[in-house]
Amino acid sequence: MITKLKHLILINKLEIALISVLVILALILRVWRINEFAIFLSDQAIDSYAVKNIIEGNFTLLGPRASVGNFFNGPAIYYLMLPFYFVMKLDPLAGTYFQIFLQLATIPFIFLLGKRIGTDMTGYLSAVLFAISPLFIYYSKAAFNSYPALFLSVLIIYLMTFEKKKMWHLLIAGFATGVLVQAHYLLYVYA
């Protein structure tokens, strides 16, 4: 079973250690002075209030209002942020920590994807560039509903690169696609 799992993931102990160090470095870069650099604008206030209402039992099927046109995005982002707001007792930074969590979760998938479509060096270089990129560090300072698209897109592409796709690959990719379509109106163009 373990040999089968190692073949499925294509990762060894050294790679796990290196990616773990990279994730820790990325975490430090993203949470350093977060109280001073976090972005909290009206979008984050609206999202925080919506998640607060869900925690209080007022469930919704409407997500954030789109900035263009007169329609609403889906509520999937609210429900994904919910555990962070619940654990952090509605702290306004909970959405930012949600974004940081998604970026940290993206790093191993970027490594695995780079390794699968290129070489080990491609995987390492891709993961390092993402982890230390000033742009992505800046993006981690706010929770906008379009930002989870990066993690979900990398996850979908990774799952679709398996030669022999299993049913769970398709189920996770389908779920991620559903969340993507709900996340932001620009993603309707790609759906």
C-alpha atoms as a PDB file:
ATOM      1  CA  MET A   1       0.000   0.000   0.000  1.00  0.00           C
ATOM      2  CA  ILE A   2       2.783   2.463   0.920  1.00  0.00           C
ATOM      3  CA  THR A   3       4.689   1.621  -2.281  1.00  0.00           C
ATOM      4  CA  LYS A   4       1.521   2.239  -4.268  1.00  0.00           C
ATOM      5  CA  LEU A   5       0.990   5.563  -2.491  1.00  0.00           C
ATOM      6  CA  LYS A   6       4.622   6.626  -3.112  1.00  0.00           C
ATOM      7  CA  HIS A   7       4.183   5.826  -6.806  1.00  0.00           C
ATOM      8  CA  LEU A   8       0.937   7.795  -6.912  1.00  0.00           C
ATOM      9  CA  ILE A   9       2.443  10.899  -5.313  1.00  0.00           C
ATOM     10  CA  LEU A  10       5.981  10.473  -6.741  1.00  0.00           C
ATOM     11  CA  ILE A  11       7.651  12.053  -3.737  1.00  0.00           C
ATOM     12  CA  ASN A  12      10.326  10.849  -1.319  1.00  0.00           C
ATOM     13  CA  LYS A  13      11.393  11.810   2.210  1.00  0.00           C
ATOM     14  CA  LEU A  14      13.956  14.368   1.071  1.00  0.00           C
ATOM     15  CA  GLU A  15      11.399  16.073  -1.150  1.00  0.00           C
ATOM     16  CA  ILE A  16       8.891  16.101   1.692  1.00  0.00           C
ATOM     17  CA  ALA A  17      11.502  17.733   3.946  1.00  0.00           C
ATOM     18  CA  LEU A  18      12.437  20.343   1.333  1.00  0.00           C
ATOM     19  CA  ILE A  19       8.819  21.214   0.544  1.00  0.00           C
ATOM     20  CA  SER A  20       8.063  21.393   4.288  1.00  0.00           C
ATOM     21  CA  VAL A  21      10.913  23.870   4.789  1.00  0.00           C
ATOM     22  CA  LEU A  22       9.656  25.862   1.812  1.00  0.00           C
ATOM     23  CA  VAL A  23       6.100  25.929   3.215  1.00  0.00           C
ATOM     24  CA  ILE A  24       7.422  27.109   6.590  1.00  0.00           C
ATOM     25  CA  LEU A  25       9.444  29.851   4.877  1.00  0.00           C
ATOM     26  CA  ALA A  26       6.370  30.889   2.880  1.00  0.00           C
ATOM     27  CA  LEU A  27       4.305  30.950   6.080  1.00  0.00           C
ATOM     28  CA  ILE A  28       6.826  33.206   7.810  1.00  0.00           C
ATOM     29  CA  LEU A  29       6.914  35.569   4.820  1.00  0.00           C
ATOM     30  CA  ARG A  30       3.116  35.785   4.779  1.00  0.00           C
ATOM     31  CA  VAL A  31       2.377  36.217   8.489  1.00  0.00           C
ATOM     32  CA  TRP A  32       5.271  38.555   9.286  1.00  0.00           C
ATOM     33  CA  ARG A  33       3.684  41.761  10.625  1.00  0.00           C
ATOM     34  CA  ILE A  34       0.307  40.683   9.302  1.00  0.00           C
ATOM     35  CA  ASN A  35      -1.550  43.016  11.666  1.00  0.00           C
ATOM     36  CA  GLU A  36       0.186  45.955  10.006  1.00  0.00           C
ATOM     37  CA  PHE A  37       0.068  44.849   6.371  1.00  0.00           C
ATOM     38  CA  ALA A  38      -3.252  43.014   6.056  1.00  0.00           C
ATOM     39  CA  ILE A  39      -5.759  44.579   3.682  1.00  0.00           C
ATOM     40  CA  PHE A  40      -9.303  44.973   4.956  1.00  0.00           C
ATOM     41  CA  LEU A  41     -11.548  46.861   2.556  1.00  0.00           C
ATOM     42  CA  SER A  42     -15.292  46.877   1.971  1.00  0.00           C
ATOM     43  CA  ASP A  43     -15.138  43.530   0.119  1.00  0.00           C
ATOM     44  CA  GLN A  44     -13.592  41.851   3.143  1.00  0.00           C
ATOM     45  CA  ALA A  45     -16.130  43.513   5.445  1.00  0.00           C
ATOM     46  CA  ILE A  46     -19.019  42.255   3.322  1.00  0.00           C
ATOM     47  CA  ASP A  47     -17.559  38.737   3.232  1.00  0.00           C
ATOM     48  CA  SER A  48     -16.863  38.766   6.968  1.00  0.00           C
ATOM     49  CA  TYR A  49     -20.404  39.841   7.707  1.00  0.00           C
ATOM     50  CA  ALA A  50     -21.815  37.126   5.425  1.00  0.00           C
ATOM     51  CA  VAL A  51     -19.725  34.442   7.134  1.00  0.00           C
ATOM     52  CA  LYS A  52     -20.791  35.810  10.542  1.00  0.00           C
ATOM     53  CA  ASN A  53     -24.441  35.408   9.475  1.00  0.00           C
ATOM     54  CA  ILE A  54     -23.784  31.810   8.403  1.00  0.00           C
ATOM     55  CA  ILE A  55     -22.137  31.035  11.758  1.00  0.00           C
ATOM     56  CA  GLU A  56     -25.230  32.467  13.472  1.00  0.00           C
ATOM     57  CA  GLY A  57     -27.424  30.051  11.475  1.00  0.00           C
ATOM     58  CA  ASN A  58     -28.549  32.333   8.643  1.00  0.00           C
ATOM     59  CA  PHE A  59     -27.435  30.194   5.725  1.00  0.00           C
ATOM     60  CA  THR A  60     -27.326  31.699   2.259  1.00  0.00           C
ATOM     61  CA  LEU A  61     -27.283  30.601  -1.357  1.00  0.00           C
ATOM     62  CA  LEU A  62     -26.082  34.025  -2.496  1.00  0.00           C
ATOM     63  CA  GLY A  63     -22.419  34.899  -2.608  1.00  0.00           C
ATOM     64  CA  PRO A  64     -20.836  38.299  -3.060  1.00  0.00           C
ATOM     65  CA  ARG A  65     -22.458  40.707  -5.483  1.00  0.00           C
ATOM     66  CA  ALA A  66     -20.505  40.962  -8.727  1.00  0.00           C
ATOM     67  CA  SER A  67     -18.918  44.336  -9.328  1.00  0.00           C
ATOM     68  CA  VAL A  68     -20.052  44.266 -12.956  1.00  0.00           C
ATOM     69  CA  GLY A  69     -23.665  43.558 -13.817  1.00  0.00           C
ATOM     70  CA  ASN A  70     -26.464  42.882 -11.437  1.00  0.00           C
ATOM     71  CA  PHE A  71     -25.893  39.328 -10.243  1.00  0.00           C
ATOM     72  CA  PHE A  72     -24.335  37.435  -7.369  1.00  0.00           C
ATOM     73  CA  ASN A  73     -21.455  34.986  -7.341  1.00  0.00           C
ATOM     74  CA  GLY A  74     -21.969  31.703  -5.532  1.00  0.00           C
ATOM     75  CA  PRO A  75     -21.558  31.304  -1.764  1.00  0.00           C
ATOM     76  CA  ALA A  76     -18.876  28.573  -1.867  1.00  0.00           C
ATOM     77  CA  ILE A  77     -16.146  30.964  -0.747  1.00  0.00           C
ATOM     78  CA  TYR A  78     -18.182  31.940   2.311  1.00  0.00           C
ATOM     79  CA  TYR A  79     -18.548  28.316   3.333  1.00  0.00           C
ATOM     80  CA  LEU A  80     -14.851  27.602   2.725  1.00  0.00           C
ATOM     81  CA  MET A  81     -13.873  30.580   4.911  1.00  0.00           C
ATOM     82  CA  LEU A  82     -16.311  29.580   7.651  1.00  0.00           C
ATOM     83  CA  PRO A  83     -13.929  27.310   9.663  1.00  0.00           C
ATOM     84  CA  PHE A  84     -11.335  30.091   9.852  1.00  0.00           C
ATOM     85  CA  TYR A  85     -13.872  32.633  11.117  1.00  0.00           C
ATOM     86  CA  PHE A  86     -15.303  30.111  13.544  1.00  0.00           C
ATOM     87  CA  VAL A  87     -11.935  29.117  15.036  1.00  0.00           C
ATOM     88  CA  MET A  88     -10.736  32.732  15.163  1.00  0.00           C
ATOM     89  CA  LYS A  89     -14.014  33.913  16.734  1.00  0.00           C
ATOM     90  CA  LEU A  90     -14.923  36.250  13.836  1.00  0.00           C
ATOM     91  CA  ASP A  91     -11.563  38.019  13.815  1.00  0.00           C
ATOM     92  CA  PRO A  92     -11.428  40.147  10.630  1.00  0.00           C
ATOM     93  CA  LEU A  93      -8.048  38.589   9.802  1.00  0.00           C
ATOM     94  CA  ALA A  94      -9.647  35.149   9.457  1.00  0.00           C
ATOM     95  CA  GLY A  95     -10.193  35.712   5.744  1.00  0.00           C
ATOM     96  CA  THR A  96      -6.543  36.626   5.349  1.00  0.00           C
ATOM     97  CA  TYR A  97      -5.492  33.454   7.148  1.00  0.00           C
ATOM     98  CA  PHE A  98      -7.795  31.506   4.827  1.00  0.00           C
ATOM     99  CA  GLN A  99      -5.964  33.011   1.865  1.00  0.00           C
ATOM    100  CA  ILE A 100      -2.573  32.204   3.410  1.00  0.00           C
ATOM    101  CA  PHE A 101      -3.684  28.618   4.027  1.00  0.00           C
ATOM    102  CA  LEU A 102      -4.680  28.218   0.367  1.00  0.00           C
ATOM    103  CA  GLN A 103      -1.363  29.627  -0.810  1.00  0.00           C
ATOM    104  CA  LEU A 104       0.571  27.281   1.462  1.00  0.00           C
ATOM    105  CA  ALA A 105      -1.498  24.343   0.206  1.00  0.00           C
ATOM    106  CA  THR A 106      -0.668  25.390  -3.370  1.00  0.00           C
ATOM    107  CA  ILE A 107       3.089  24.993  -2.899  1.00  0.00           C
ATOM    108  CA  PRO A 108       3.216  21.154  -2.800  1.00  0.00           C
ATOM    109  CA  PHE A 109       0.861  20.901  -5.780  1.00  0.00           C
ATOM    110  CA  ILE A 110       2.972  23.342  -7.791  1.00  0.00           C
ATOM    111  CA  PHE A 111       6.015  21.213  -6.953  1.00  0.00           C
ATOM    112  CA  LEU A 112       4.268  17.973  -7.943  1.00  0.00           C
ATOM    113  CA  LEU A 113       2.857  19.498 -11.114  1.00  0.00           C
ATOM    114  CA  GLY A 114       6.232  20.942 -12.135  1.00  0.00           C
ATOM    115  CA  LYS A 115       7.879  17.604 -11.431  1.00  0.00           C
ATOM    116  CA  ARG A 116       5.251  15.730 -13.417  1.00  0.00           C
ATOM    117  CA  ILE A 117       5.339  17.900 -16.537  1.00  0.00           C
ATOM    118  CA  GLY A 118       9.048  18.758 -16.358  1.00  0.00           C
ATOM    119  CA  THR A 119      11.849  17.595 -14.094  1.00  0.00           C
ATOM    120  CA  ASP A 120      12.553  17.614 -10.373  1.00  0.00           C
ATOM    121  CA  MET A 121      14.290  20.969 -10.863  1.00  0.00           C
ATOM    122  CA  THR A 122      11.182  22.364 -12.582  1.00  0.00           C
ATOM    123  CA  GLY A 123       9.115  21.384  -9.564  1.00  0.00           C
ATOM    124  CA  TYR A 124      11.547  22.865  -7.057  1.00  0.00           C
ATOM    125  CA  LEU A 125      12.029  26.084  -8.987  1.00  0.00           C
ATOM    126  CA  SER A 126       8.285  26.566  -9.486  1.00  0.00           C
ATOM    127  CA  ALA A 127       7.561  25.985  -5.806  1.00  0.00           C
ATOM    128  CA  VAL A 128      10.377  28.301  -4.658  1.00  0.00           C
ATOM    129  CA  LEU A 129       9.311  31.091  -7.009  1.00  0.00           C
ATOM    130  CA  PHE A 130       5.717  30.846  -5.815  1.00  0.00           C
ATOM    131  CA  ALA A 131       6.717  30.684  -2.142  1.00  0.00           C
ATOM    132  CA  ILE A 132       8.941  33.782  -2.197  1.00  0.00           C
ATOM    133  CA  SER A 133       7.180  35.816  -4.897  1.00  0.00           C
ATOM    134  CA  PRO A 134       6.503  39.344  -3.600  1.00  0.00           C
ATOM    135  CA  LEU A 135       3.317  39.444  -5.688  1.00  0.00           C
ATOM    136  CA  PHE A 136       1.867  36.321  -4.091  1.00  0.00           C
ATOM    137  CA  ILE A 137       2.979  37.457  -0.648  1.00  0.00           C
ATOM    138  CA  TYR A 138       1.082  40.682  -1.314  1.00  0.00           C
ATOM    139  CA  TYR A 139      -1.970  38.705  -2.503  1.00  0.00           C
ATOM    140  CA  SER A 140      -1.923  36.756   0.761  1.00  0.00           C
ATOM    141  CA  LYS A 141      -2.595  39.958   2.708  1.00  0.00           C
ATOM    142  CA  ALA A 142      -6.260  40.105   1.675  1.00  0.00           C
ATOM    143  CA  ALA A 143      -9.088  37.670   1.114  1.00  0.00           C
ATOM    144  CA  PHE A 144     -10.705  38.459  -2.216  1.00  0.00           C
ATOM    145  CA  ASN A 145     -13.123  35.885  -3.588  1.00  0.00           C
ATOM    146  CA  SER A 146     -11.094  35.447  -6.798  1.00  0.00           C
ATOM    147  CA  TYR A 147      -7.795  34.553  -5.081  1.00  0.00           C
ATOM    148  CA  PRO A 148      -8.657  30.888  -4.305  1.00  0.00           C
ATOM    149  CA  ALA A 149      -8.743  30.358  -8.074  1.00  0.00           C
ATOM    150  CA  LEU A 150      -4.976  29.870  -8.070  1.00  0.00           C
ATOM    151  CA  PHE A 151      -5.048  26.925  -5.657  1.00  0.00           C
ATOM    152  CA  LEU A 152      -8.086  25.370  -7.304  1.00  0.00           C
ATOM    153  CA  SER A 153      -6.652  25.751 -10.821  1.00  0.00           C
ATOM    154  CA  VAL A 154      -3.334  24.158  -9.856  1.00  0.00           C
ATOM    155  CA  LEU A 155      -5.196  21.325  -8.126  1.00  0.00           C
ATOM    156  CA  ILE A 156      -7.401  20.685 -11.176  1.00  0.00           C
ATOM    157  CA  ILE A 157      -4.446  20.712 -13.580  1.00  0.00           C
ATOM    158  CA  TYR A 158      -2.492  18.380 -11.284  1.00  0.00           C
ATOM    159  CA  LEU A 159      -5.385  15.924 -11.078  1.00  0.00           C
ATOM    160  CA  MET A 160      -5.923  15.987 -14.830  1.00  0.00           C
ATOM    161  CA  THR A 161      -2.274  15.097 -15.541  1.00  0.00           C
ATOM    162  CA  PHE A 162      -2.674  11.560 -14.174  1.00  0.00           C
ATOM    163  CA  GLU A 163      -2.495   9.081 -17.048  1.00  0.00           C
ATOM    164  CA  LYS A 164      -5.003   6.778 -15.406  1.00  0.00           C
ATOM    165  CA  LYS A 165      -7.589   9.002 -13.789  1.00  0.00           C
ATOM    166  CA  LYS A 166      -9.502   7.506 -10.906  1.00  0.00           C
ATOM    167  CA  MET A 167     -13.039   8.461  -9.982  1.00  0.00           C
ATOM    168  CA  TRP A 168     -11.795  10.511  -7.002  1.00  0.00           C
ATOM    169  CA  HIS A 169      -9.597  12.581  -9.338  1.00  0.00           C
ATOM    170  CA  LEU A 170     -12.669  13.533 -11.329  1.00  0.00           C
ATOM    171  CA  LEU A 171     -14.820  14.154  -8.249  1.00  0.00           C
ATOM    172  CA  ILE A 172     -12.280  16.496  -6.657  1.00  0.00           C
ATOM    173  CA  ALA A 173     -11.645  18.255  -9.982  1.00  0.00           C
ATOM    174  CA  GLY A 174     -15.401  18.643 -10.490  1.00  0.00           C
ATOM    175  CA  PHE A 175     -15.877  20.062  -6.992  1.00  0.00           C
ATOM    176  CA  ALA A 176     -12.963  22.464  -7.503  1.00  0.00           C
ATOM    177  CA  THR A 177     -14.412  23.565 -10.848  1.00  0.00           C
ATOM    178  CA  GLY A 178     -17.767  24.226  -9.184  1.00  0.00           C
ATOM    179  CA  VAL A 179     -16.117  26.381  -6.533  1.00  0.00           C
ATOM    180  CA  LEU A 180     -14.134  28.191  -9.242  1.00  0.00           C
ATOM    181  CA  VAL A 181     -17.254  29.055 -11.186  1.00  0.00           C
ATOM    182  CA  GLN A 182     -18.890  30.361  -8.015  1.00  0.00           C
ATOM    183  CA  ALA A 183     -15.825  32.312  -6.916  1.00  0.00           C
ATOM    184  CA  HIS A 184     -15.755  35.136  -9.425  1.00  0.00           C
ATOM    185  CA  TYR A 185     -17.694  36.215 -12.491  1.00  0.00           C
ATOM    186  CA  LEU A 186     -14.527  36.304 -14.653  1.00  0.00           C
ATOM    187  CA  LEU A 187     -14.304  32.535 -14.304  1.00  0.00           C
ATOM    188  CA  TYR A 188     -17.571  32.155 -16.230  1.00  0.00           C
ATOM    189  CA  VAL A 189     -15.550  33.039 -19.323  1.00  0.00           C
ATOM    190  CA  TYR A 190     -13.394  29.943 -18.802  1.00  0.00           C
ATOM    191  CA  ALA A 191     -16.165  27.579 -17.760  1.00  0.00           C
END
